């Protein structure tokens, strides 16, 4: 198994779980060391390097997590976003086709325009920002691969701070634990996805050779504000510190879609690892964080 972006939040979780399951794992990374597997430096912007790496490793499965996910940065640095999210995926898809690998592409809910929410797999992508556009192009390249699976999550969060980034859940926890007020959006809706749950779904799909397109997100549609309140309750933190704000008040560079919640009915039927309800996922997150803290992790 080759996992790209293995030093990131999701990729690091996948390689840890895959190694525990006994898979031979090559952990592809560029800047941030992966926590497990055989480390393999790979730059997704260098097509020849991508091809040579895949042909050398000849994996049965490629789980492609590497991406430029900073939405505003993608809007400003469009050539960079295209190179990483679109062109890099095209080269990886070609390499997968040459070697017969099963390509699993981790996409995003931001391929949708957010006008209706609860999107199904057959709904037509129509991104409203450049990040979503480049990920849609990545999907198109992945779909040309003979053995492909496109997985769409939504707002991935977890216990780790991989690749030097703090995810939304940890940002909330850090502020609430320190008694700081946070301003959280009330009118943007998503399907928050715990990285552990998504990693389990991706590995299930990899092990069973599932193909096509599948929405692999959390099973609960929630606003960011609702997510914050639920997290505060699960962690017994002060909900009064959470202040509401509207999308129109945010000083973003890139436009954000209003409702990109995902219908996970197909995943519920097709996968053994099922999408988790939000409160269950948050309780699992609390257990993971407490375990890390008890081990004296440097992340906390």
C-alpha atoms as a PDB file:
ATOM      1  CA  UNK A   1       0.000   0.000   0.000  1.00  0.00           C
ATOM      2  CA  UNK A   2       1.271   3.472  -0.915  1.00  0.00           C
ATOM      3  CA  UNK A   3      -0.210   6.392   1.032  1.00  0.00           C
ATOM      4  CA  UNK A   4       0.558   9.911  -0.193  1.00  0.00           C
ATOM      5  CA  UNK A   5       0.447  12.786   2.273  1.00  0.00           C
ATOM      6  CA  UNK A   6       1.366  10.314   5.007  1.00  0.00           C
ATOM      7  CA  UNK A   7       2.588  13.121   7.263  1.00  0.00           C
ATOM      8  CA  UNK A   8      -0.791  14.870   7.196  1.00  0.00           C
ATOM      9  CA  UNK A   9      -3.746  14.536   9.546  1.00  0.00           C
ATOM     10  CA  UNK A  10      -5.554  11.826   7.579  1.00  0.00           C
ATOM     11  CA  UNK A  11      -2.539  10.179   5.957  1.00  0.00           C
ATOM     12  CA  UNK A  12      -0.788   9.670   9.291  1.00  0.00           C
ATOM     13  CA  UNK A  13      -3.895   8.017  10.715  1.00  0.00           C
ATOM     14  CA  UNK A  14      -4.213   5.721   7.707  1.00  0.00           C
ATOM     15  CA  UNK A  15      -0.604   4.531   7.840  1.00  0.00           C
ATOM     16  CA  UNK A  16      -0.808   3.861  11.596  1.00  0.00           C
ATOM     17  CA  UNK A  17      -3.959   1.761  11.194  1.00  0.00           C
ATOM     18  CA  UNK A  18      -2.686   0.015   8.056  1.00  0.00           C
ATOM     19  CA  UNK A  19       0.547  -1.047   9.758  1.00  0.00           C
ATOM     20  CA  UNK A  20      -1.439  -2.346  12.737  1.00  0.00           C
ATOM     21  CA  UNK A  21      -3.534  -4.406  10.322  1.00  0.00           C
ATOM     22  CA  UNK A  22      -0.388  -6.001   8.936  1.00  0.00           C
ATOM     23  CA  UNK A  23      -0.196  -4.238   5.579  1.00  0.00           C
ATOM     24  CA  UNK A  24       3.120  -3.420   3.954  1.00  0.00           C
ATOM     25  CA  UNK A  25       2.912   0.366   3.881  1.00  0.00           C
ATOM     26  CA  UNK A  26       4.960   2.905   1.946  1.00  0.00           C
ATOM     27  CA  UNK A  27       4.419   6.328   3.530  1.00  0.00           C
ATOM     28  CA  UNK A  28       4.833   9.009   0.894  1.00  0.00           C
ATOM     29  CA  UNK A  29       5.659  12.484   2.159  1.00  0.00           C
ATOM     30  CA  UNK A  30       7.275  15.750   1.105  1.00  0.00           C
ATOM     31  CA  UNK A  31       8.074  17.845   4.187  1.00  0.00           C
ATOM     32  CA  UNK A  32       6.597  16.211   7.293  1.00  0.00           C
ATOM     33  CA  UNK A  33       7.796  12.801   8.449  1.00  0.00           C
ATOM     34  CA  UNK A  34       5.090  10.120   8.597  1.00  0.00           C
ATOM     35  CA  UNK A  35       4.628   8.262  11.908  1.00  0.00           C
ATOM     36  CA  UNK A  36       4.717   4.719  10.520  1.00  0.00           C
ATOM     37  CA  UNK A  37       5.430   2.624   7.442  1.00  0.00           C
ATOM     38  CA  UNK A  38       8.434   2.749   5.127  1.00  0.00           C
ATOM     39  CA  UNK A  39       9.145   6.445   4.560  1.00  0.00           C
ATOM     40  CA  UNK A  40       9.242   7.471   0.933  1.00  0.00           C
ATOM     41  CA  UNK A  41       9.968  11.052  -0.090  1.00  0.00           C
ATOM     42  CA  UNK A  42       7.804  12.065  -3.033  1.00  0.00           C
ATOM     43  CA  UNK A  43       7.000  15.453  -4.556  1.00  0.00           C
ATOM     44  CA  UNK A  44       3.568  15.444  -6.191  1.00  0.00           C
ATOM     45  CA  UNK A  45       4.612  18.377  -8.402  1.00  0.00           C
ATOM     46  CA  UNK A  46       7.306  16.305 -10.097  1.00  0.00           C
ATOM     47  CA  UNK A  47       5.554  13.993 -12.537  1.00  0.00           C
ATOM     48  CA  UNK A  48       8.586  11.887 -13.427  1.00  0.00           C
ATOM     49  CA  UNK A  49       9.295  11.307  -9.748  1.00  0.00           C
ATOM     50  CA  UNK A  50       5.707  10.219  -9.137  1.00  0.00           C
ATOM     51  CA  UNK A  51       5.824   7.740 -12.036  1.00  0.00           C
ATOM     52  CA  UNK A  52       9.206   6.316 -11.062  1.00  0.00           C
ATOM     53  CA  UNK A  53       8.162   5.912  -7.422  1.00  0.00           C
ATOM     54  CA  UNK A  54       4.980   4.028  -8.233  1.00  0.00           C
ATOM     55  CA  UNK A  55       6.700   1.822 -10.805  1.00  0.00           C
ATOM     56  CA  UNK A  56       9.421   1.014  -8.267  1.00  0.00           C
ATOM     57  CA  UNK A  57       7.065   0.237  -5.375  1.00  0.00           C
ATOM     58  CA  UNK A  58       4.311  -1.339  -7.529  1.00  0.00           C
ATOM     59  CA  UNK A  59       1.665  -1.104  -4.799  1.00  0.00           C
ATOM     60  CA  UNK A  60      -1.610  -3.001  -4.924  1.00  0.00           C
ATOM     61  CA  UNK A  61      -3.390   0.084  -3.562  1.00  0.00           C
ATOM     62  CA  UNK A  62      -2.632   3.809  -3.612  1.00  0.00           C
ATOM     63  CA  UNK A  63      -4.496   6.003  -1.119  1.00  0.00           C
ATOM     64  CA  UNK A  64      -3.976   9.553  -2.322  1.00  0.00           C
ATOM     65  CA  UNK A  65      -4.293  11.981   0.604  1.00  0.00           C
ATOM     66  CA  UNK A  66      -1.703  14.566  -0.441  1.00  0.00           C
ATOM     67  CA  UNK A  67      -3.307  17.894  -1.314  1.00  0.00           C
ATOM     68  CA  UNK A  68      -3.110  21.638  -0.904  1.00  0.00           C
ATOM     69  CA  UNK A  69      -6.136  22.159   1.375  1.00  0.00           C
ATOM     70  CA  UNK A  70      -5.740  25.799   2.440  1.00  0.00           C
ATOM     71  CA  UNK A  71      -8.780  27.271   0.682  1.00  0.00           C
ATOM     72  CA  UNK A  72      -7.596  30.884   0.665  1.00  0.00           C
ATOM     73  CA  UNK A  73      -4.058  29.927  -0.372  1.00  0.00           C
ATOM     74  CA  UNK A  74      -5.472  27.987  -3.322  1.00  0.00           C
ATOM     75  CA  UNK A  75      -7.352  31.115  -4.350  1.00  0.00           C
ATOM     76  CA  UNK A  76      -4.164  33.211  -4.238  1.00  0.00           C
ATOM     77  CA  UNK A  77      -1.663  30.635  -5.549  1.00  0.00           C
ATOM     78  CA  UNK A  78      -3.657  29.099  -8.365  1.00  0.00           C
ATOM     79  CA  UNK A  79      -0.730  27.608 -10.278  1.00  0.00           C
ATOM     80  CA  UNK A  80       0.455  25.871  -7.116  1.00  0.00           C
ATOM     81  CA  UNK A  81      -3.043  24.543  -6.378  1.00  0.00           C
ATOM     82  CA  UNK A  82      -3.351  23.198  -9.923  1.00  0.00           C
ATOM     83  CA  UNK A  83       0.071  21.587  -9.768  1.00  0.00           C
ATOM     84  CA  UNK A  84      -0.586  19.751  -6.509  1.00  0.00           C
ATOM     85  CA  UNK A  85      -4.306  18.964  -6.577  1.00  0.00           C
ATOM     86  CA  UNK A  86      -4.910  18.429 -10.271  1.00  0.00           C
ATOM     87  CA  UNK A  87      -1.663  17.703 -12.130  1.00  0.00           C
ATOM     88  CA  UNK A  88      -0.196  15.637  -9.295  1.00  0.00           C
ATOM     89  CA  UNK A  89      -3.333  13.516  -9.227  1.00  0.00           C
ATOM     90  CA  UNK A  90      -3.229  13.094 -13.013  1.00  0.00           C
ATOM     91  CA  UNK A  91       0.307  11.721 -12.844  1.00  0.00           C
ATOM     92  CA  UNK A  92      -0.583   9.425  -9.969  1.00  0.00           C
ATOM     93  CA  UNK A  93      -3.640   8.116 -11.836  1.00  0.00           C
ATOM     94  CA  UNK A  94      -1.497   7.392 -14.900  1.00  0.00           C
ATOM     95  CA  UNK A  95       1.044   5.591 -12.721  1.00  0.00           C
ATOM     96  CA  UNK A  96      -1.730   3.553 -11.100  1.00  0.00           C
ATOM     97  CA  UNK A  97      -3.020   2.564 -14.528  1.00  0.00           C
ATOM     98  CA  UNK A  98       0.454   1.487 -15.676  1.00  0.00           C
ATOM     99  CA  UNK A  99       0.969  -0.731 -12.638  1.00  0.00           C
ATOM    100  CA  UNK A 100      -2.611  -1.936 -12.150  1.00  0.00           C
ATOM    101  CA  UNK A 101      -2.936  -0.344  -8.708  1.00  0.00           C
ATOM    102  CA  UNK A 102      -6.302   0.435  -7.121  1.00  0.00           C
ATOM    103  CA  UNK A 103      -6.340   4.229  -6.756  1.00  0.00           C
ATOM    104  CA  UNK A 104      -8.321   5.696  -3.861  1.00  0.00           C
ATOM    105  CA  UNK A 105      -8.557   9.471  -4.205  1.00  0.00           C
ATOM    106  CA  UNK A 106      -9.514  11.488  -1.133  1.00  0.00           C
ATOM    107  CA  UNK A 107     -11.566  14.370  -2.489  1.00  0.00           C
ATOM    108  CA  UNK A 108     -13.780  16.893  -0.682  1.00  0.00           C
ATOM    109  CA  UNK A 109     -17.336  18.141  -0.195  1.00  0.00           C
ATOM    110  CA  UNK A 110     -16.119  21.470  -1.611  1.00  0.00           C
ATOM    111  CA  UNK A 111     -16.582  20.139  -5.140  1.00  0.00           C
ATOM    112  CA  UNK A 112     -20.257  21.122  -4.592  1.00  0.00           C
ATOM    113  CA  UNK A 113     -21.704  24.646  -4.660  1.00  0.00           C
ATOM    114  CA  UNK A 114     -23.509  24.361  -1.319  1.00  0.00           C
ATOM    115  CA  UNK A 115     -26.897  25.453  -2.574  1.00  0.00           C
ATOM    116  CA  UNK A 116     -28.881  22.435  -1.380  1.00  0.00           C
ATOM    117  CA  UNK A 117     -26.860  20.202   0.957  1.00  0.00           C
ATOM    118  CA  UNK A 118     -27.108  16.451   1.579  1.00  0.00           C
ATOM    119  CA  UNK A 119     -25.429  15.817  -1.751  1.00  0.00           C
ATOM    120  CA  UNK A 120     -25.472  12.338  -3.239  1.00  0.00           C
ATOM    121  CA  UNK A 121     -22.698  10.724  -5.250  1.00  0.00           C
ATOM    122  CA  UNK A 122     -24.469  11.310  -8.555  1.00  0.00           C
ATOM    123  CA  UNK A 123     -24.984  15.052  -7.976  1.00  0.00           C
ATOM    124  CA  UNK A 124     -23.017  17.229 -10.361  1.00  0.00           C
ATOM    125  CA  UNK A 125     -19.966  18.995  -8.895  1.00  0.00           C
ATOM    126  CA  UNK A 126     -20.036  22.786  -9.220  1.00  0.00           C
ATOM    127  CA  UNK A 127     -17.359  24.317  -6.983  1.00  0.00           C
ATOM    128  CA  UNK A 128     -17.527  27.964  -5.905  1.00  0.00           C
ATOM    129  CA  UNK A 129     -13.813  28.401  -5.126  1.00  0.00           C
ATOM    130  CA  UNK A 130     -10.521  27.437  -6.735  1.00  0.00           C
ATOM    131  CA  UNK A 131      -9.689  24.790  -4.132  1.00  0.00           C
ATOM    132  CA  UNK A 132     -12.913  22.959  -4.969  1.00  0.00           C
ATOM    133  CA  UNK A 133     -12.207  23.404  -8.677  1.00  0.00           C
ATOM    134  CA  UNK A 134      -8.761  21.809  -8.426  1.00  0.00           C
ATOM    135  CA  UNK A 135     -10.126  18.918  -6.382  1.00  0.00           C
ATOM    136  CA  UNK A 136     -12.861  18.421  -8.989  1.00  0.00           C
ATOM    137  CA  UNK A 137     -10.160  18.241 -11.665  1.00  0.00           C
ATOM    138  CA  UNK A 138      -8.367  15.705  -9.467  1.00  0.00           C
ATOM    139  CA  UNK A 139     -11.561  13.645  -9.365  1.00  0.00           C
ATOM    140  CA  UNK A 140     -11.816  13.696 -13.152  1.00  0.00           C
ATOM    141  CA  UNK A 141      -8.254  12.411 -13.475  1.00  0.00           C
ATOM    142  CA  UNK A 142      -8.843   9.720 -10.834  1.00  0.00           C
ATOM    143  CA  UNK A 143     -12.032   8.568 -12.559  1.00  0.00           C
ATOM    144  CA  UNK A 144     -10.041   7.864 -15.737  1.00  0.00           C
ATOM    145  CA  UNK A 145      -8.000   5.262 -13.854  1.00  0.00           C
ATOM    146  CA  UNK A 146      -9.348   1.761 -14.508  1.00  0.00           C
ATOM    147  CA  UNK A 147      -9.380   0.792 -10.828  1.00  0.00           C
ATOM    148  CA  UNK A 148     -10.545   3.907  -9.031  1.00  0.00           C
ATOM    149  CA  UNK A 149     -12.462   5.010  -5.955  1.00  0.00           C
ATOM    150  CA  UNK A 150     -13.231   8.651  -5.202  1.00  0.00           C
ATOM    151  CA  UNK A 151     -14.012   9.226  -1.515  1.00  0.00           C
ATOM    152  CA  UNK A 152     -15.541  12.548  -0.461  1.00  0.00           C
ATOM    153  CA  UNK A 153     -15.259  13.538   3.208  1.00  0.00           C
ATOM    154  CA  UNK A 154     -16.250  16.845   4.831  1.00  0.00           C
ATOM    155  CA  UNK A 155     -14.353  18.971   7.376  1.00  0.00           C
ATOM    156  CA  UNK A 156     -11.843  16.388   8.581  1.00  0.00           C
ATOM    157  CA  UNK A 157     -10.841  16.749  12.228  1.00  0.00           C
ATOM    158  CA  UNK A 158      -8.917  14.605  14.710  1.00  0.00           C
ATOM    159  CA  UNK A 159      -6.665  14.349  17.740  1.00  0.00           C
ATOM    160  CA  UNK A 160      -3.447  15.028  15.859  1.00  0.00           C
ATOM    161  CA  UNK A 161      -1.706  18.171  14.674  1.00  0.00           C
ATOM    162  CA  UNK A 162      -0.021  16.522  11.733  1.00  0.00           C
ATOM    163  CA  UNK A 163       1.909  18.517   9.131  1.00  0.00           C
ATOM    164  CA  UNK A 164       2.081  21.542  11.399  1.00  0.00           C
ATOM    165  CA  UNK A 165      -1.614  22.374  11.105  1.00  0.00           C
ATOM    166  CA  UNK A 166      -4.211  22.642  13.863  1.00  0.00           C
ATOM    167  CA  UNK A 167      -7.601  21.283  12.826  1.00  0.00           C
ATOM    168  CA  UNK A 168     -10.908  22.941  13.775  1.00  0.00           C
ATOM    169  CA  UNK A 169     -11.621  20.622  16.713  1.00  0.00           C
ATOM    170  CA  UNK A 170      -8.221  21.181  18.336  1.00  0.00           C
ATOM    171  CA  UNK A 171      -8.450  24.928  17.743  1.00  0.00           C
ATOM    172  CA  UNK A 172     -11.774  24.938  19.591  1.00  0.00           C
ATOM    173  CA  UNK A 173     -10.448  22.791  22.436  1.00  0.00           C
ATOM    174  CA  UNK A 174      -7.339  24.896  22.899  1.00  0.00           C
ATOM    175  CA  UNK A 175      -9.340  28.116  23.174  1.00  0.00           C
ATOM    176  CA  UNK A 176     -12.168  26.755  25.328  1.00  0.00           C
ATOM    177  CA  UNK A 177      -9.774  25.059  27.742  1.00  0.00           C
ATOM    178  CA  UNK A 178      -7.997  28.393  28.158  1.00  0.00           C
ATOM    179  CA  UNK A 179     -11.216  30.293  28.769  1.00  0.00           C
ATOM    180  CA  UNK A 180     -11.040  32.200  25.490  1.00  0.00           C
ATOM    181  CA  UNK A 181     -14.088  33.188  23.497  1.00  0.00           C
ATOM    182  CA  UNK A 182     -14.397  31.798  19.978  1.00  0.00           C
ATOM    183  CA  UNK A 183     -16.467  33.119  17.082  1.00  0.00           C
ATOM    184  CA  UNK A 184     -18.014  30.251  15.153  1.00  0.00           C
ATOM    185  CA  UNK A 185     -20.153  30.339  12.016  1.00  0.00           C
ATOM    186  CA  UNK A 186     -23.839  29.471  12.416  1.00  0.00           C
ATOM    187  CA  UNK A 187     -24.881  29.339   8.753  1.00  0.00           C
ATOM    188  CA  UNK A 188     -22.379  26.971   7.115  1.00  0.00           C
ATOM    189  CA  UNK A 189     -23.379  23.303   7.188  1.00  0.00           C
ATOM    190  CA  UNK A 190     -21.133  20.265   6.717  1.00  0.00           C
ATOM    191  CA  UNK A 191     -20.804  16.587   7.609  1.00  0.00           C
ATOM    192  CA  UNK A 192     -17.879  16.732  10.093  1.00  0.00           C
ATOM    193  CA  UNK A 193     -15.621  13.707   9.600  1.00  0.00           C
ATOM    194  CA  UNK A 194     -13.360  12.220  12.281  1.00  0.00           C
ATOM    195  CA  UNK A 195     -10.023  11.217  10.754  1.00  0.00           C
ATOM    196  CA  UNK A 196     -10.101   7.828  12.500  1.00  0.00           C
ATOM    197  CA  UNK A 197     -13.504   7.029  11.002  1.00  0.00           C
ATOM    198  CA  UNK A 198     -12.409   8.123   7.521  1.00  0.00           C
ATOM    199  CA  UNK A 199      -9.186   6.101   7.780  1.00  0.00           C
ATOM    200  CA  UNK A 200     -11.199   3.019   8.741  1.00  0.00           C
ATOM    201  CA  UNK A 201     -13.520   3.539   5.779  1.00  0.00           C
ATOM    202  CA  UNK A 202     -10.607   4.052   3.377  1.00  0.00           C
ATOM    203  CA  UNK A 203      -8.849   0.886   4.552  1.00  0.00           C
ATOM    204  CA  UNK A 204     -12.090  -1.090   4.368  1.00  0.00           C
ATOM    205  CA  UNK A 205     -12.542   0.091   0.770  1.00  0.00           C
ATOM    206  CA  UNK A 206      -8.916  -0.727  -0.028  1.00  0.00           C
ATOM    207  CA  UNK A 207      -9.065  -4.231   1.432  1.00  0.00           C
ATOM    208  CA  UNK A 208     -12.317  -5.057  -0.360  1.00  0.00           C
ATOM    209  CA  UNK A 209     -11.530  -3.409  -3.690  1.00  0.00           C
ATOM    210  CA  UNK A 210     -14.502  -1.035  -3.671  1.00  0.00           C
ATOM    211  CA  UNK A 211     -14.734   1.193  -6.741  1.00  0.00           C
ATOM    212  CA  UNK A 212     -16.705   4.179  -7.984  1.00  0.00           C
ATOM    213  CA  UNK A 213     -17.599   7.266  -5.943  1.00  0.00           C
ATOM    214  CA  UNK A 214     -18.608   7.171  -2.283  1.00  0.00           C
ATOM    215  CA  UNK A 215     -19.355   9.844   0.285  1.00  0.00           C
ATOM    216  CA  UNK A 216     -17.200   8.863   3.262  1.00  0.00           C
ATOM    217  CA  UNK A 217     -18.145  11.559   5.750  1.00  0.00           C
ATOM    218  CA  UNK A 218     -19.670  11.795   9.182  1.00  0.00           C
ATOM    219  CA  UNK A 219     -23.308  10.734   9.425  1.00  0.00           C
ATOM    220  CA  UNK A 220     -24.536  14.013  10.966  1.00  0.00           C
ATOM    221  CA  UNK A 221     -25.301  17.267   9.139  1.00  0.00           C
ATOM    222  CA  UNK A 222     -24.260  20.115  11.400  1.00  0.00           C
ATOM    223  CA  UNK A 223     -23.306  23.763  11.298  1.00  0.00           C
ATOM    224  CA  UNK A 224     -19.854  24.713  12.545  1.00  0.00           C
ATOM    225  CA  UNK A 225     -21.593  26.377  15.494  1.00  0.00           C
ATOM    226  CA  UNK A 226     -23.513  23.202  16.355  1.00  0.00           C
ATOM    227  CA  UNK A 227     -20.289  21.203  16.053  1.00  0.00           C
ATOM    228  CA  UNK A 228     -18.616  23.561  18.524  1.00  0.00           C
ATOM    229  CA  UNK A 229     -21.480  23.275  21.033  1.00  0.00           C
ATOM    230  CA  UNK A 230     -21.494  19.483  20.842  1.00  0.00           C
ATOM    231  CA  UNK A 231     -17.734  19.339  21.275  1.00  0.00           C
ATOM    232  CA  UNK A 232     -17.951  21.582  24.347  1.00  0.00           C
ATOM    233  CA  UNK A 233     -20.591  19.309  25.887  1.00  0.00           C
ATOM    234  CA  UNK A 234     -18.627  16.109  25.254  1.00  0.00           C
ATOM    235  CA  UNK A 235     -15.484  17.664  26.758  1.00  0.00           C
ATOM    236  CA  UNK A 236     -17.401  19.391  29.609  1.00  0.00           C
ATOM    237  CA  UNK A 237     -16.273  22.861  28.563  1.00  0.00           C
ATOM    238  CA  UNK A 238     -18.018  26.237  28.824  1.00  0.00           C
ATOM    239  CA  UNK A 239     -20.494  26.619  25.946  1.00  0.00           C
ATOM    240  CA  UNK A 240     -21.013  30.309  26.738  1.00  0.00           C
ATOM    241  CA  UNK A 241     -17.559  31.022  25.310  1.00  0.00           C
ATOM    242  CA  UNK A 242     -18.855  30.079  21.845  1.00  0.00           C
ATOM    243  CA  UNK A 243     -20.182  33.187  20.087  1.00  0.00           C
ATOM    244  CA  UNK A 244     -22.144  33.112  16.861  1.00  0.00           C
ATOM    245  CA  UNK A 245     -21.041  34.792  13.651  1.00  0.00           C
ATOM    246  CA  UNK A 246     -22.419  34.771  10.099  1.00  0.00           C
ATOM    247  CA  UNK A 247     -20.499  33.784   6.971  1.00  0.00           C
ATOM    248  CA  UNK A 248     -20.884  37.281   5.539  1.00  0.00           C
ATOM    249  CA  UNK A 249     -18.899  38.678   8.482  1.00  0.00           C
ATOM    250  CA  UNK A 250     -15.838  36.541   7.730  1.00  0.00           C
ATOM    251  CA  UNK A 251     -12.910  38.148   5.903  1.00  0.00           C
ATOM    252  CA  UNK A 252     -12.135  35.256   3.597  1.00  0.00           C
ATOM    253  CA  UNK A 253     -10.306  35.566   0.297  1.00  0.00           C
ATOM    254  CA  UNK A 254     -12.155  32.637  -1.285  1.00  0.00           C
ATOM    255  CA  UNK A 255     -15.899  32.167  -1.292  1.00  0.00           C
ATOM    256  CA  UNK A 256     -17.210  29.287   0.825  1.00  0.00           C
ATOM    257  CA  UNK A 257     -20.198  27.089  -0.035  1.00  0.00           C
ATOM    258  CA  UNK A 258     -23.103  27.380   2.432  1.00  0.00           C
ATOM    259  CA  UNK A 259     -24.218  23.740   2.765  1.00  0.00           C
ATOM    260  CA  UNK A 260     -21.994  20.895   1.555  1.00  0.00           C
ATOM    261  CA  UNK A 261     -23.373  18.226   3.867  1.00  0.00           C
ATOM    262  CA  UNK A 262     -23.174  14.769   2.294  1.00  0.00           C
ATOM    263  CA  UNK A 263     -25.662  11.925   2.029  1.00  0.00           C
ATOM    264  CA  UNK A 264     -23.782   8.853   3.322  1.00  0.00           C
ATOM    265  CA  UNK A 265     -26.466   6.259   2.572  1.00  0.00           C
ATOM    266  CA  UNK A 266     -24.254   4.507   0.022  1.00  0.00           C
ATOM    267  CA  UNK A 267     -21.348   4.268   2.479  1.00  0.00           C
ATOM    268  CA  UNK A 268     -23.696   2.888   5.132  1.00  0.00           C
ATOM    269  CA  UNK A 269     -24.628   0.049   2.777  1.00  0.00           C
ATOM    270  CA  UNK A 270     -21.321  -0.565   1.005  1.00  0.00           C
ATOM    271  CA  UNK A 271     -18.791  -0.312   3.839  1.00  0.00           C
ATOM    272  CA  UNK A 272     -18.231  -2.460   6.898  1.00  0.00           C
ATOM    273  CA  UNK A 273     -16.758   0.588   8.632  1.00  0.00           C
ATOM    274  CA  UNK A 274     -19.804   2.845   8.846  1.00  0.00           C
ATOM    275  CA  UNK A 275     -19.927   6.653   8.927  1.00  0.00           C
ATOM    276  CA  UNK A 276     -20.213   7.730  12.573  1.00  0.00           C
ATOM    277  CA  UNK A 277     -22.823   9.980  14.165  1.00  0.00           C
ATOM    278  CA  UNK A 278     -21.257  13.206  15.412  1.00  0.00           C
ATOM    279  CA  UNK A 279     -21.681  12.653  19.163  1.00  0.00           C
ATOM    280  CA  UNK A 280     -20.209   9.142  18.906  1.00  0.00           C
ATOM    281  CA  UNK A 281     -17.269  10.498  16.906  1.00  0.00           C
ATOM    282  CA  UNK A 282     -16.661  13.271  19.445  1.00  0.00           C
ATOM    283  CA  UNK A 283     -16.636  10.758  22.297  1.00  0.00           C
ATOM    284  CA  UNK A 284     -14.070   8.703  20.374  1.00  0.00           C
ATOM    285  CA  UNK A 285     -12.055  11.895  19.807  1.00  0.00           C
ATOM    286  CA  UNK A 286     -12.108  12.609  23.543  1.00  0.00           C
ATOM    287  CA  UNK A 287     -10.807   9.113  24.281  1.00  0.00           C
ATOM    288  CA  UNK A 288      -8.006   9.519  21.735  1.00  0.00           C
ATOM    289  CA  UNK A 289      -6.981  12.901  23.147  1.00  0.00           C
ATOM    290  CA  UNK A 290      -7.026  11.619  26.723  1.00  0.00           C
ATOM    291  CA  UNK A 291      -4.835   8.696  25.666  1.00  0.00           C
ATOM    292  CA  UNK A 292      -2.357  11.042  23.989  1.00  0.00           C
ATOM    293  CA  UNK A 293      -2.312  13.314  27.015  1.00  0.00           C
ATOM    294  CA  UNK A 294      -1.746  10.417  29.380  1.00  0.00           C
ATOM    295  CA  UNK A 295       1.259   9.397  27.265  1.00  0.00           C
ATOM    296  CA  UNK A 296       2.659  12.911  27.564  1.00  0.00           C
ATOM    297  CA  UNK A 297       2.377  13.564  23.819  1.00  0.00           C
ATOM    298  CA  UNK A 298       4.181  16.680  22.609  1.00  0.00           C
ATOM    299  CA  UNK A 299       1.033  17.594  20.695  1.00  0.00           C
ATOM    300  CA  UNK A 300      -0.703  18.661  23.881  1.00  0.00           C
END
